[in-house]
């Protein structure tokens, strides 16, 4: 599959990673620290209270999917995928690999209140 400027998915993912402790990608450079302090606090609280780390690496969930769920559950919050990945790192979550545009996180889908609510259609 081809992306912007004839960059393949493989090449796009190769241009993603972590630099100086923060995620980066070829197209999304926004960091969590660019968010207003009140919004940072809401996002950190949401991650800490609504997500539960999984004990195994099976069935991971993408950073973009988690971000979309968070934005639906926190009215007025709208951040980039990169800023969300940065917030997850700050909260101690480690992605399965950093060389992907959408990072995969191991989150317990049965114990995470946000994912239970999303599955039931509650926002």
PDB file of N, CA and C in Angstrom:
ATOM      1  N   UNK A   1       0.846  -1.175   0.000  1.00  0.00           N
ATOM      2  CA  UNK A   1       0.000   0.000   0.000  1.00  0.00           C
ATOM      3  C   UNK A   1       0.894   1.242   0.000  1.00  0.00           C
ATOM      4  N   UNK A   2       0.525   2.240  -0.795  1.00  0.00           N
ATOM      5  CA  UNK A   2       1.320   3.465  -0.882  1.00  0.00           C
ATOM      6  C   UNK A   2       0.672   4.581  -0.060  1.00  0.00           C
ATOM      7  N   UNK A   3       1.500   5.417   0.529  1.00  0.00           N
ATOM      8  CA  UNK A   3       1.037   6.542   1.338  1.00  0.00           C
ATOM      9  C   UNK A   3       1.522   7.840   0.733  1.00  0.00           C
ATOM     10  N   UNK A   4       1.412   8.925   1.467  1.00  0.00           N
ATOM     11  CA  UNK A   4       1.806  10.262   1.014  1.00  0.00           C
ATOM     12  C   UNK A   4       3.153  10.250   0.303  1.00  0.00           C
ATOM     13  N   UNK A   5       3.210  10.943  -0.828  1.00  0.00           N
ATOM     14  CA  UNK A   5       4.467  11.100  -1.551  1.00  0.00           C
ATOM     15  C   UNK A   5       5.098   9.795  -1.974  1.00  0.00           C
ATOM     16  N   UNK A   6       4.292   8.792  -2.293  1.00  0.00           N
ATOM     17  CA  UNK A   6       4.782   7.485  -2.732  1.00  0.00           C
ATOM     18  C   UNK A   6       5.638   6.779  -1.686  1.00  0.00           C
ATOM     19  N   UNK A   7       5.369   7.028  -0.416  1.00  0.00           N
ATOM     20  CA  UNK A   7       6.071   6.313   0.660  1.00  0.00           C
ATOM     21  C   UNK A   7       5.271   5.058   0.978  1.00  0.00           C
ATOM     22  N   UNK A   8       5.916   3.922   0.954  1.00  0.00           N
ATOM     23  CA  UNK A   8       5.231   2.665   1.246  1.00  0.00           C
ATOM     24  C   UNK A   8       4.973   2.549   2.745  1.00  0.00           C
ATOM     25  N   UNK A   9       4.075   1.649   3.104  1.00  0.00           N
ATOM     26  CA  UNK A   9       3.785   1.407   4.524  1.00  0.00           C
ATOM     27  C   UNK A   9       5.057   0.987   5.256  1.00  0.00           C
ATOM     28  N   UNK A  10       5.862   0.155   4.643  1.00  0.00           N
ATOM     29  CA  UNK A  10       7.119  -0.292   5.256  1.00  0.00           C
ATOM     30  C   UNK A  10       8.055   0.894   5.492  1.00  0.00           C
ATOM     31  N   UNK A  11       8.201   1.748   4.490  1.00  0.00           N
ATOM     32  CA  UNK A  11       9.067   2.924   4.624  1.00  0.00           C
ATOM     33  C   UNK A  11       8.513   3.880   5.667  1.00  0.00           C
ATOM     34  N   UNK A  12       7.196   4.067   5.686  1.00  0.00           N
ATOM     35  CA  UNK A  12       6.557   4.936   6.679  1.00  0.00           C
ATOM     36  C   UNK A  12       6.868   4.452   8.093  1.00  0.00           C
ATOM     37  N   UNK A  13       6.724   3.154   8.327  1.00  0.00           N
ATOM     38  CA  UNK A  13       6.982   2.604   9.652  1.00  0.00           C
ATOM     39  C   UNK A  13       8.457   2.711  10.034  1.00  0.00           C
ATOM     40  N   UNK A  14       9.340   2.629   9.041  1.00  0.00           N
ATOM     41  CA  UNK A  14      10.769   2.746   9.308  1.00  0.00           C
ATOM     42  C   UNK A  14      11.125   4.158   9.785  1.00  0.00           C
ATOM     43  N   UNK A  15      10.289   5.129   9.423  1.00  0.00           N
ATOM     44  CA  UNK A  15      10.522   6.519   9.800  1.00  0.00           C
ATOM     45  C   UNK A  15       9.817   6.894  11.103  1.00  0.00           C
ATOM     46  N   UNK A  16       9.497   5.909  11.913  1.00  0.00           N
ATOM     47  CA  UNK A  16       8.854   6.109  13.211  1.00  0.00           C
ATOM     48  C   UNK A  16       9.742   5.517  14.289  1.00  0.00           C
ATOM     49  N   UNK A  17       9.664   6.066  15.489  1.00  0.00           N
ATOM     50  CA  UNK A  17      10.441   5.528  16.590  1.00  0.00           C
ATOM     51  C   UNK A  17      10.370   6.422  17.811  1.00  0.00           C
ATOM     52  N   UNK A  18      11.444   6.372  18.607  1.00  0.00           N
ATOM     53  CA  UNK A  18      11.558   7.187  19.816  1.00  0.00           C
ATOM     54  C   UNK A  18      12.863   7.960  19.725  1.00  0.00           C
ATOM     55  N   UNK A  19      12.796   9.239  20.031  1.00  0.00           N
ATOM     56  CA  UNK A  19      13.961  10.106  20.022  1.00  0.00           C
ATOM     57  C   UNK A  19      13.927  10.948  21.288  1.00  0.00           C
ATOM     58  N   UNK A  20      14.990  10.899  22.078  1.00  0.00           N
ATOM     59  CA  UNK A  20      15.067  11.645  23.344  1.00  0.00           C
ATOM     60  C   UNK A  20      13.889  11.331  24.263  1.00  0.00           C
ATOM     61  N   UNK A  21      13.464  10.078  24.267  1.00  0.00           N
ATOM     62  CA  UNK A  21      12.392   9.645  25.159  1.00  0.00           C
ATOM     63  C   UNK A  21      10.988   9.955  24.696  1.00  0.00           C
ATOM     64  N   UNK A  22      10.844  10.471  23.471  1.00  0.00           N
ATOM     65  CA  UNK A  22       9.529  10.834  22.941  1.00  0.00           C
ATOM     66  C   UNK A  22       9.307  10.179  21.584  1.00  0.00           C
ATOM     67  N   UNK A  23       8.052   9.837  21.284  1.00  0.00           N
ATOM     68  CA  UNK A  23       7.773   9.251  19.971  1.00  0.00           C
ATOM     69  C   UNK A  23       7.929  10.290  18.858  1.00  0.00           C
ATOM     70  N   UNK A  24       8.247   9.808  17.695  1.00  0.00           N
ATOM     71  CA  UNK A  24       8.274  10.673  16.516  1.00  0.00           C
ATOM     72  C   UNK A  24       7.834   9.840  15.316  1.00  0.00           C
ATOM     73  N   UNK A  25       7.341  10.528  14.315  1.00  0.00           N
ATOM     74  CA  UNK A  25       7.024   9.878  13.053  1.00  0.00           C
ATOM     75  C   UNK A  25       7.256  10.891  11.949  1.00  0.00           C
ATOM     76  N   UNK A  26       7.272  10.429  10.757  1.00  0.00           N
ATOM     77  CA  UNK A  26       7.576  11.283   9.613  1.00  0.00           C
ATOM     78  C   UNK A  26       6.503  12.320   9.365  1.00  0.00           C
ATOM     79  N   UNK A  27       5.304  12.129   9.913  1.00  0.00           N
ATOM     80  CA  UNK A  27       4.221  13.054   9.628  1.00  0.00           C
ATOM     81  C   UNK A  27       3.617  13.693  10.886  1.00  0.00           C
ATOM     82  N   UNK A  28       3.787  13.100  12.040  1.00  0.00           N
ATOM     83  CA  UNK A  28       3.156  13.572  13.271  1.00  0.00           C
ATOM     84  C   UNK A  28       4.237  13.801  14.323  1.00  0.00           C
ATOM     85  N   UNK A  29       4.492  15.055  14.641  1.00  0.00           N
ATOM     86  CA  UNK A  29       5.564  15.382  15.588  1.00  0.00           C
ATOM     87  C   UNK A  29       5.053  16.022  16.875  1.00  0.00           C
ATOM     88  N   UNK A  30       3.733  16.151  17.010  1.00  0.00           N
ATOM     89  CA  UNK A  30       3.170  16.790  18.208  1.00  0.00           C
ATOM     90  C   UNK A  30       3.488  15.968  19.454  1.00  0.00           C
ATOM     91  N   UNK A  31       3.933  16.645  20.513  1.00  0.00           N
ATOM     92  CA  UNK A  31       4.217  15.976  21.779  1.00  0.00           C
ATOM     93  C   UNK A  31       3.132  16.293  22.799  1.00  0.00           C
ATOM     94  N   UNK A  32       3.026  15.447  23.787  1.00  0.00           N
ATOM     95  CA  UNK A  32       2.036  15.613  24.842  1.00  0.00           C
ATOM     96  C   UNK A  32       2.227  16.937  25.574  1.00  0.00           C
ATOM     97  N   UNK A  33       3.452  17.359  25.745  1.00  0.00           N
ATOM     98  CA  UNK A  33       3.748  18.596  26.470  1.00  0.00           C
ATOM     99  C   UNK A  33       3.180  19.843  25.778  1.00  0.00           C
ATOM    100  N   UNK A  34       2.778  19.729  24.522  1.00  0.00           N
ATOM    101  CA  UNK A  34       2.183  20.860  23.794  1.00  0.00           C
ATOM    102  C   UNK A  34       0.728  21.100  24.204  1.00  0.00           C
ATOM    103  N   UNK A  35       0.143  20.151  24.941  1.00  0.00           N
ATOM    104  CA  UNK A  35      -1.237  20.283  25.373  1.00  0.00           C
ATOM    105  C   UNK A  35      -1.334  21.239  26.564  1.00  0.00           C
ATOM    106  N   UNK A  36      -2.465  21.945  26.715  1.00  0.00           N
ATOM    107  CA  UNK A  36      -2.649  22.788  27.904  1.00  0.00           C
ATOM    108  C   UNK A  36      -2.594  21.934  29.174  1.00  0.00           C
ATOM    109  N   UNK A  37      -2.084  22.480  30.274  1.00  0.00           N
ATOM    110  CA  UNK A  37      -1.931  21.707  31.517  1.00  0.00           C
ATOM    111  C   UNK A  37      -3.217  21.010  31.987  1.00  0.00           C
ATOM    112  N   UNK A  38      -4.372  21.697  31.861  1.00  0.00           N
ATOM    113  CA  UNK A  38      -5.630  21.073  32.307  1.00  0.00           C
ATOM    114  C   UNK A  38      -5.953  19.843  31.464  1.00  0.00           C
ATOM    115  N   UNK A  39      -5.693  19.954  30.177  1.00  0.00           N
ATOM    116  CA  UNK A  39      -5.954  18.830  29.285  1.00  0.00           C
ATOM    117  C   UNK A  39      -4.961  17.703  29.562  1.00  0.00           C
ATOM    118  N   UNK A  40      -3.707  18.029  29.819  1.00  0.00           N
ATOM    119  CA  UNK A  40      -2.721  17.002  30.175  1.00  0.00           C
ATOM    120  C   UNK A  40      -3.199  16.217  31.393  1.00  0.00           C
ATOM    121  N   UNK A  41      -3.687  16.927  32.396  1.00  0.00           N
ATOM    122  CA  UNK A  41      -4.149  16.271  33.622  1.00  0.00           C
ATOM    123  C   UNK A  41      -5.331  15.341  33.338  1.00  0.00           C
ATOM    124  N   UNK A  42      -6.265  15.781  32.518  1.00  0.00           N
ATOM    125  CA  UNK A  42      -7.426  14.942  32.175  1.00  0.00           C
ATOM    126  C   UNK A  42      -6.993  13.671  31.443  1.00  0.00           C
ATOM    127  N   UNK A  43      -6.048  13.829  30.516  1.00  0.00           N
ATOM    128  CA  UNK A  43      -5.581  12.672  29.735  1.00  0.00           C
ATOM    129  C   UNK A  43      -4.833  11.688  30.617  1.00  0.00           C
ATOM    130  N   UNK A  44      -3.935  12.187  31.454  1.00  0.00           N
ATOM    131  CA  UNK A  44      -3.188  11.304  32.363  1.00  0.00           C
ATOM    132  C   UNK A  44      -4.148  10.576  33.300  1.00  0.00           C
ATOM    133  N   UNK A  45      -5.122  11.298  33.860  1.00  0.00           N
ATOM    134  CA  UNK A  45      -6.116  10.656  34.738  1.00  0.00           C
ATOM    135  C   UNK A  45      -6.876   9.568  33.982  1.00  0.00           C
ATOM    136  N   UNK A  46      -7.257   9.858  32.739  1.00  0.00           N
ATOM    137  CA  UNK A  46      -7.996   8.871  31.952  1.00  0.00           C
ATOM    138  C   UNK A  46      -7.147   7.617  31.746  1.00  0.00           C
ATOM    139  N   UNK A  47      -5.910   7.785  31.347  1.00  0.00           N
ATOM    140  CA  UNK A  47      -5.038   6.623  31.112  1.00  0.00           C
ATOM    141  C   UNK A  47      -4.875   5.810  32.394  1.00  0.00           C
ATOM    142  N   UNK A  48      -4.614   6.488  33.502  1.00  0.00           N
ATOM    143  CA  UNK A  48      -4.384   5.784  34.775  1.00  0.00           C
ATOM    144  C   UNK A  48      -5.632   5.116  35.328  1.00  0.00           C
ATOM    145  N   UNK A  49      -6.806   5.728  35.110  1.00  0.00           N
ATOM    146  CA  UNK A  49      -8.038   5.203  35.699  1.00  0.00           C
ATOM    147  C   UNK A  49      -8.851   4.321  34.772  1.00  0.00           C
ATOM    148  N   UNK A  50      -8.647   4.447  33.471  1.00  0.00           N
ATOM    149  CA  UNK A  50      -9.503   3.741  32.512  1.00  0.00           C
ATOM    150  C   UNK A  50      -8.823   2.586  31.787  1.00  0.00           C
ATOM    151  N   UNK A  51      -7.497   2.496  31.873  1.00  0.00           N
ATOM    152  CA  UNK A  51      -6.769   1.410  31.204  1.00  0.00           C
ATOM    153  C   UNK A  51      -6.050   0.551  32.238  1.00  0.00           C
ATOM    154  N   UNK A  52      -6.059  -0.743  32.010  1.00  0.00           N
ATOM    155  CA  UNK A  52      -5.370  -1.697  32.882  1.00  0.00           C
ATOM    156  C   UNK A  52      -4.377  -2.461  32.010  1.00  0.00           C
ATOM    157  N   UNK A  53      -3.097  -2.461  32.393  1.00  0.00           N
ATOM    158  CA  UNK A  53      -2.107  -3.198  31.592  1.00  0.00           C
ATOM    159  C   UNK A  53      -2.431  -4.699  31.558  1.00  0.00           C
ATOM    160  N   UNK A  54      -2.212  -5.305  30.415  1.00  0.00           N
ATOM    161  CA  UNK A  54      -2.411  -6.752  30.275  1.00  0.00           C
ATOM    162  C   UNK A  54      -1.172  -7.473  30.799  1.00  0.00           C
ATOM    163  N   UNK A  55      -1.396  -8.683  31.275  1.00  0.00           N
ATOM    164  CA  UNK A  55      -0.276  -9.482  31.776  1.00  0.00           C
ATOM    165  C   UNK A  55       0.421 -10.248  30.663  1.00  0.00           C
ATOM    166  N   UNK A  56      -0.249 -10.354  29.517  1.00  0.00           N
ATOM    167  CA  UNK A  56       0.344 -11.052  28.374  1.00  0.00           C
ATOM    168  C   UNK A  56       0.385 -10.105  27.176  1.00  0.00           C
ATOM    169  N   UNK A  57       1.090 -10.509  26.144  1.00  0.00           N
ATOM    170  CA  UNK A  57       1.216  -9.686  24.944  1.00  0.00           C
ATOM    171  C   UNK A  57       0.238 -10.095  23.853  1.00  0.00           C
ATOM    172  N   UNK A  58      -0.785 -10.819  24.222  1.00  0.00           N
ATOM    173  CA  UNK A  58      -1.764 -11.223  23.217  1.00  0.00           C
ATOM    174  C   UNK A  58      -2.835 -10.146  23.057  1.00  0.00           C
ATOM    175  N   UNK A  59      -3.350 -10.022  21.865  1.00  0.00           N
ATOM    176  CA  UNK A  59      -4.452  -9.135  21.543  1.00  0.00           C
ATOM    177  C   UNK A  59      -4.187  -7.661  21.887  1.00  0.00           C
ATOM    178  N   UNK A  60      -3.093  -7.086  21.393  1.00  0.00           N
ATOM    179  CA  UNK A  60      -2.804  -5.670  21.681  1.00  0.00           C
ATOM    180  C   UNK A  60      -3.798  -4.748  20.967  1.00  0.00           C
ATOM    181  N   UNK A  61      -3.833  -3.502  21.385  1.00  0.00           N
ATOM    182  CA  UNK A  61      -4.738  -2.518  20.801  1.00  0.00           C
ATOM    183  C   UNK A  61      -3.918  -1.322  20.331  1.00  0.00           C
ATOM    184  N   UNK A  62      -4.290  -0.735  19.212  1.00  0.00           N
ATOM    185  CA  UNK A  62      -3.478   0.330  18.618  1.00  0.00           C
ATOM    186  C   UNK A  62      -3.635   1.652  19.360  1.00  0.00           C
ATOM    187  N   UNK A  63      -2.587   2.450  19.284  1.00  0.00           N
ATOM    188  CA  UNK A  63      -2.597   3.775  19.893  1.00  0.00           C
ATOM    189  C   UNK A  63      -3.722   4.619  19.315  1.00  0.00           C
ATOM    190  N   UNK A  64      -3.966   4.516  18.027  1.00  0.00           N
ATOM    191  CA  UNK A  64      -5.016   5.317  17.420  1.00  0.00           C
ATOM    192  C   UNK A  64      -6.394   4.907  17.925  1.00  0.00           C
ATOM    193  N   UNK A  65      -6.634   3.626  18.082  1.00  0.00           N
ATOM    194  CA  UNK A  65      -7.928   3.154  18.608  1.00  0.00           C
ATOM    195  C   UNK A  65      -8.128   3.660  20.033  1.00  0.00           C
ATOM    196  N   UNK A  66      -7.092   3.562  20.872  1.00  0.00           N
ATOM    197  CA  UNK A  66      -7.187   4.056  22.247  1.00  0.00           C
ATOM    198  C   UNK A  66      -7.440   5.562  22.266  1.00  0.00           C
ATOM    199  N   UNK A  67      -6.767   6.287  21.403  1.00  0.00           N
ATOM    200  CA  UNK A  67      -6.933   7.741  21.310  1.00  0.00           C
ATOM    201  C   UNK A  67      -8.370   8.100  20.937  1.00  0.00           C
ATOM    202  N   UNK A  68      -8.930   7.398  19.968  1.00  0.00           N
ATOM    203  CA  UNK A  68     -10.306   7.657  19.539  1.00  0.00           C
ATOM    204  C   UNK A  68     -11.288   7.388  20.685  1.00  0.00           C
ATOM    205  N   UNK A  69     -11.091   6.300  21.393  1.00  0.00           N
ATOM    206  CA  UNK A  69     -11.952   5.992  22.545  1.00  0.00           C
ATOM    207  C   UNK A  69     -11.842   7.092  23.591  1.00  0.00           C
ATOM    208  N   UNK A  70     -10.610   7.509  23.901  1.00  0.00           N
ATOM    209  CA  UNK A  70     -10.395   8.562  24.888  1.00  0.00           C
ATOM    210  C   UNK A  70     -11.090   9.852  24.466  1.00  0.00           C
ATOM    211  N   UNK A  71     -10.937  10.238  23.216  1.00  0.00           N
ATOM    212  CA  UNK A  71     -11.551  11.479  22.736  1.00  0.00           C
ATOM    213  C   UNK A  71     -13.073  11.430  22.824  1.00  0.00           C
ATOM    214  N   UNK A  72     -13.661  10.265  22.624  1.00  0.00           N
ATOM    215  CA  UNK A  72     -15.114  10.133  22.749  1.00  0.00           C
ATOM    216  C   UNK A  72     -15.552  10.219  24.213  1.00  0.00           C
ATOM    217  N   UNK A  73     -14.699   9.743  25.108  1.00  0.00           N
ATOM    218  CA  UNK A  73     -15.049   9.724  26.523  1.00  0.00           C
ATOM    219  C   UNK A  73     -14.668  11.009  27.252  1.00  0.00           C
ATOM    220  N   UNK A  74     -13.795  11.817  26.655  1.00  0.00           N
ATOM    221  CA  UNK A  74     -13.386  13.094  27.251  1.00  0.00           C
ATOM    222  C   UNK A  74     -13.769  14.231  26.307  1.00  0.00           C
ATOM    223  N   UNK A  75     -14.968  14.751  26.435  1.00  0.00           N
ATOM    224  CA  UNK A  75     -15.391  15.848  25.552  1.00  0.00           C
ATOM    225  C   UNK A  75     -14.398  17.010  25.590  1.00  0.00           C
ATOM    226  N   UNK A  76     -14.118  17.558  24.410  1.00  0.00           N
ATOM    227  CA  UNK A  76     -13.200  18.692  24.300  1.00  0.00           C
ATOM    228  C   UNK A  76     -11.742  18.312  24.141  1.00  0.00           C
ATOM    229  N   UNK A  77     -11.418  17.036  24.266  1.00  0.00           N
ATOM    230  CA  UNK A  77     -10.035  16.582  24.095  1.00  0.00           C
ATOM    231  C   UNK A  77      -9.843  16.127  22.655  1.00  0.00           C
ATOM    232  N   UNK A  78      -8.828  16.688  22.011  1.00  0.00           N
ATOM    233  CA  UNK A  78      -8.505  16.334  20.629  1.00  0.00           C
ATOM    234  C   UNK A  78      -6.991  16.447  20.480  1.00  0.00           C
ATOM    235  N   UNK A  79      -6.312  15.300  20.455  1.00  0.00           N
ATOM    236  CA  UNK A  79      -4.854  15.319  20.337  1.00  0.00           C
ATOM    237  C   UNK A  79      -4.424  14.416  19.188  1.00  0.00           C
ATOM    238  N   UNK A  80      -3.179  14.557  18.803  1.00  0.00           N
ATOM    239  CA  UNK A  80      -2.646  13.719  17.727  1.00  0.00           C
ATOM    240  C   UNK A  80      -2.293  12.330  18.269  1.00  0.00           C
ATOM    241  N   UNK A  81      -2.143  11.399  17.359  1.00  0.00           N
ATOM    242  CA  UNK A  81      -1.718  10.052  17.719  1.00  0.00           C
ATOM    243  C   UNK A  81      -0.349  10.096  18.403  1.00  0.00           C
ATOM    244  N   UNK A  82       0.549  10.930  17.906  1.00  0.00           N
ATOM    245  CA  UNK A  82       1.891  11.022  18.484  1.00  0.00           C
ATOM    246  C   UNK A  82       1.836  11.547  19.923  1.00  0.00           C
ATOM    247  N   UNK A  83       1.011  12.570  20.174  1.00  0.00           N
ATOM    248  CA  UNK A  83       0.873  13.108  21.525  1.00  0.00           C
ATOM    249  C   UNK A  83       0.278  12.058  22.458  1.00  0.00           C
ATOM    250  N   UNK A  84      -0.662  11.255  21.950  1.00  0.00           N
ATOM    251  CA  UNK A  84      -1.234  10.189  22.775  1.00  0.00           C
ATOM    252  C   UNK A  84      -0.178   9.137  23.113  1.00  0.00           C
ATOM    253  N   UNK A  85       0.626   8.757  22.127  1.00  0.00           N
ATOM    254  CA  UNK A  85       1.694   7.783  22.377  1.00  0.00           C
ATOM    255  C   UNK A  85       2.654   8.326  23.436  1.00  0.00           C
ATOM    256  N   UNK A  86       2.952   9.623  23.372  1.00  0.00           N
ATOM    257  CA  UNK A  86       3.823  10.280  24.345  1.00  0.00           C
ATOM    258  C   UNK A  86       3.217  10.194  25.750  1.00  0.00           C
ATOM    259  N   UNK A  87       1.915  10.427  25.857  1.00  0.00           N
ATOM    260  CA  UNK A  87       1.228  10.334  27.149  1.00  0.00           C
ATOM    261  C   UNK A  87       1.272   8.901  27.687  1.00  0.00           C
ATOM    262  N   UNK A  88       1.090   7.926  26.821  1.00  0.00           N
ATOM    263  CA  UNK A  88       1.155   6.525  27.256  1.00  0.00           C
ATOM    264  C   UNK A  88       2.541   6.191  27.807  1.00  0.00           C
ATOM    265  N   UNK A  89       3.588   6.683  27.141  1.00  0.00           N
ATOM    266  CA  UNK A  89       4.947   6.473  27.649  1.00  0.00           C
ATOM    267  C   UNK A  89       5.103   7.102  29.030  1.00  0.00           C
ATOM    268  N   UNK A  90       4.593   8.320  29.207  1.00  0.00           N
ATOM    269  CA  UNK A  90       4.682   9.002  30.494  1.00  0.00           C
ATOM    270  C   UNK A  90       3.985   8.225  31.597  1.00  0.00           C
ATOM    271  N   UNK A  91       2.952   7.487  31.243  1.00  0.00           N
ATOM    272  CA  UNK A  91       2.212   6.687  32.226  1.00  0.00           C
ATOM    273  C   UNK A  91       2.799   5.293  32.421  1.00  0.00           C
ATOM    274  N   UNK A  92       3.917   5.019  31.768  1.00  0.00           N
ATOM    275  CA  UNK A  92       4.611   3.755  31.976  1.00  0.00           C
ATOM    276  C   UNK A  92       4.251   2.636  31.019  1.00  0.00           C
ATOM    277  N   UNK A  93       3.431   2.903  30.033  1.00  0.00           N
ATOM    278  CA  UNK A  93       3.071   1.865  29.056  1.00  0.00           C
ATOM    279  C   UNK A  93       4.162   1.751  28.007  1.00  0.00           C
ATOM    280  N   UNK A  94       4.528   0.522  27.678  1.00  0.00           N
ATOM    281  CA  UNK A  94       5.548   0.250  26.667  1.00  0.00           C
ATOM    282  C   UNK A  94       4.874  -0.360  25.440  1.00  0.00           C
ATOM    283  N   UNK A  95       5.116   0.197  24.266  1.00  0.00           N
ATOM    284  CA  UNK A  95       4.535  -0.397  23.056  1.00  0.00           C
ATOM    285  C   UNK A  95       5.269  -1.686  22.687  1.00  0.00           C
ATOM    286  N   UNK A  96       4.611  -2.516  21.914  1.00  0.00           N
ATOM    287  CA  UNK A  96       5.245  -3.758  21.462  1.00  0.00           C
ATOM    288  C   UNK A  96       6.426  -3.443  20.557  1.00  0.00           C
ATOM    289  N   UNK A  97       6.288  -2.425  19.710  1.00  0.00           N
ATOM    290  CA  UNK A  97       7.381  -1.955  18.869  1.00  0.00           C
ATOM    291  C   UNK A  97       7.162  -0.471  18.624  1.00  0.00           C
ATOM    292  N   UNK A  98       8.244   0.271  18.499  1.00  0.00           N
ATOM    293  CA  UNK A  98       8.122   1.706  18.248  1.00  0.00           C
ATOM    294  C   UNK A  98       8.265   2.039  16.768  1.00  0.00           C
ATOM    295  N   UNK A  99       8.635   1.071  15.973  1.00  0.00           N
ATOM    296  CA  UNK A  99       8.807   1.337  14.543  1.00  0.00           C
ATOM    297  C   UNK A  99       7.543   1.004  13.776  1.00  0.00           C
ATOM    298  N   UNK A 100       6.451   1.616  14.235  1.00  0.00           N
ATOM    299  CA  UNK A 100       5.162   1.564  13.567  1.00  0.00           C
ATOM    300  C   UNK A 100       4.504   2.907  13.795  1.00  0.00           C
ATOM    301  N   UNK A 101       3.726   3.357  12.844  1.00  0.00           N
ATOM    302  CA  UNK A 101       3.018   4.625  13.008  1.00  0.00           C
ATOM    303  C   UNK A 101       2.016   4.522  14.158  1.00  0.00           C
ATOM    304  N   UNK A 102       1.230   3.457  14.172  1.00  0.00           N
ATOM    305  CA  UNK A 102       0.308   3.181  15.281  1.00  0.00           C
ATOM    306  C   UNK A 102       0.953   2.139  16.178  1.00  0.00           C
ATOM    307  N   UNK A 103       1.278   2.559  17.376  1.00  0.00           N
ATOM    308  CA  UNK A 103       1.892   1.632  18.327  1.00  0.00           C
ATOM    309  C   UNK A 103       0.836   0.682  18.869  1.00  0.00           C
ATOM    310  N   UNK A 104       1.268  -0.518  19.214  1.00  0.00           N
ATOM    311  CA  UNK A 104       0.387  -1.518  19.810  1.00  0.00           C
ATOM    312  C   UNK A 104       0.708  -1.630  21.297  1.00  0.00           C
ATOM    313  N   UNK A 105      -0.340  -1.479  22.121  1.00  0.00           N
ATOM    314  CA  UNK A 105      -0.190  -1.564  23.573  1.00  0.00           C
ATOM    315  C   UNK A 105      -0.965  -2.766  24.086  1.00  0.00           C
ATOM    316  N   UNK A 106      -0.406  -3.419  25.093  1.00  0.00           N
ATOM    317  CA  UNK A 106      -1.051  -4.576  25.706  1.00  0.00           C
ATOM    318  C   UNK A 106      -1.922  -4.090  26.859  1.00  0.00           C
ATOM    319  N   UNK A 107      -3.208  -3.989  26.588  1.00  0.00           N
ATOM    320  CA  UNK A 107      -4.192  -3.494  27.538  1.00  0.00           C
ATOM    321  C   UNK A 107      -5.189  -4.618  27.812  1.00  0.00           C
ATOM    322  N   UNK A 108      -5.537  -4.811  29.077  1.00  0.00           N
ATOM    323  CA  UNK A 108      -6.503  -5.839  29.445  1.00  0.00           C
ATOM    324  C   UNK A 108      -7.901  -5.355  29.046  1.00  0.00           C
ATOM    325  N   UNK A 109      -8.443  -5.943  28.018  1.00  0.00           N
ATOM    326  CA  UNK A 109      -9.738  -5.511  27.478  1.00  0.00           C
ATOM    327  C   UNK A 109     -10.892  -5.847  28.418  1.00  0.00           C
ATOM    328  N   UNK A 110     -10.732  -6.873  29.251  1.00  0.00           N
ATOM    329  CA  UNK A 110     -11.804  -7.271  30.163  1.00  0.00           C
ATOM    330  C   UNK A 110     -11.818  -6.465  31.456  1.00  0.00           C
ATOM    331  N   UNK A 111     -10.688  -5.834  31.803  1.00  0.00           N
ATOM    332  CA  UNK A 111     -10.607  -5.099  33.069  1.00  0.00           C
ATOM    333  C   UNK A 111     -10.516  -3.588  32.913  1.00  0.00           C
ATOM    334  N   UNK A 112     -10.328  -3.099  31.702  1.00  0.00           N
ATOM    335  CA  UNK A 112     -10.184  -1.663  31.469  1.00  0.00           C
ATOM    336  C   UNK A 112     -11.554  -1.013  31.316  1.00  0.00           C
ATOM    337  N   UNK A 113     -11.932  -0.135  32.271  1.00  0.00           N
ATOM    338  CA  UNK A 113     -13.250   0.499  32.194  1.00  0.00           C
ATOM    339  C   UNK A 113     -13.529   1.187  30.852  1.00  0.00           C
ATOM    340  N   UNK A 114     -12.542   1.853  30.274  1.00  0.00           N
ATOM    341  CA  UNK A 114     -12.758   2.553  29.003  1.00  0.00           C
ATOM    342  C   UNK A 114     -13.099   1.584  27.880  1.00  0.00           C
ATOM    343  N   UNK A 115     -12.438   0.446  27.847  1.00  0.00           N
ATOM    344  CA  UNK A 115     -12.691  -0.522  26.781  1.00  0.00           C
ATOM    345  C   UNK A 115     -14.006  -1.259  26.988  1.00  0.00           C
ATOM    346  N   UNK A 116     -14.373  -1.479  28.253  1.00  0.00           N
ATOM    347  CA  UNK A 116     -15.675  -2.099  28.553  1.00  0.00           C
ATOM    348  C   UNK A 116     -16.785  -1.151  28.080  1.00  0.00           C
ATOM    349  N   UNK A 117     -16.665   0.127  28.421  1.00  0.00           N
ATOM    350  CA  UNK A 117     -17.666   1.129  28.012  1.00  0.00           C
ATOM    351  C   UNK A 117     -17.736   1.247  26.495  1.00  0.00           C
ATOM    352  N   UNK A 118     -16.586   1.251  25.837  1.00  0.00           N
ATOM    353  CA  UNK A 118     -16.556   1.366  24.372  1.00  0.00           C
ATOM    354  C   UNK A 118     -17.232   0.151  23.725  1.00  0.00           C
ATOM    355  N   UNK A 119     -16.964  -1.015  24.278  1.00  0.00           N
ATOM    356  CA  UNK A 119     -17.559  -2.254  23.731  1.00  0.00           C
ATOM    357  C   UNK A 119     -19.076  -2.221  23.859  1.00  0.00           C
ATOM    358  N   UNK A 120     -19.571  -1.634  24.948  1.00  0.00           N
ATOM    359  CA  UNK A 120     -21.014  -1.566  25.177  1.00  0.00           C
ATOM    360  C   UNK A 120     -21.654  -0.369  24.484  1.00  0.00           C
ATOM    361  N   UNK A 121     -20.812   0.486  23.875  1.00  0.00           N
ATOM    362  CA  UNK A 121     -21.329   1.645  23.163  1.00  0.00           C
ATOM    363  C   UNK A 121     -21.580   2.850  24.063  1.00  0.00           C
ATOM    364  N   UNK A 122     -21.061   2.815  25.300  1.00  0.00           N
ATOM    365  CA  UNK A 122     -21.228   3.944  26.226  1.00  0.00           C
ATOM    366  C   UNK A 122     -20.070   4.905  26.074  1.00  0.00           C
ATOM    367  N   UNK A 123     -20.366   6.146  25.960  1.00  0.00           N
ATOM    368  CA  UNK A 123     -19.346   7.181  25.932  1.00  0.00           C
ATOM    369  C   UNK A 123     -19.830   8.279  26.809  1.00  0.00           C
TER     370      UNK A 123
END
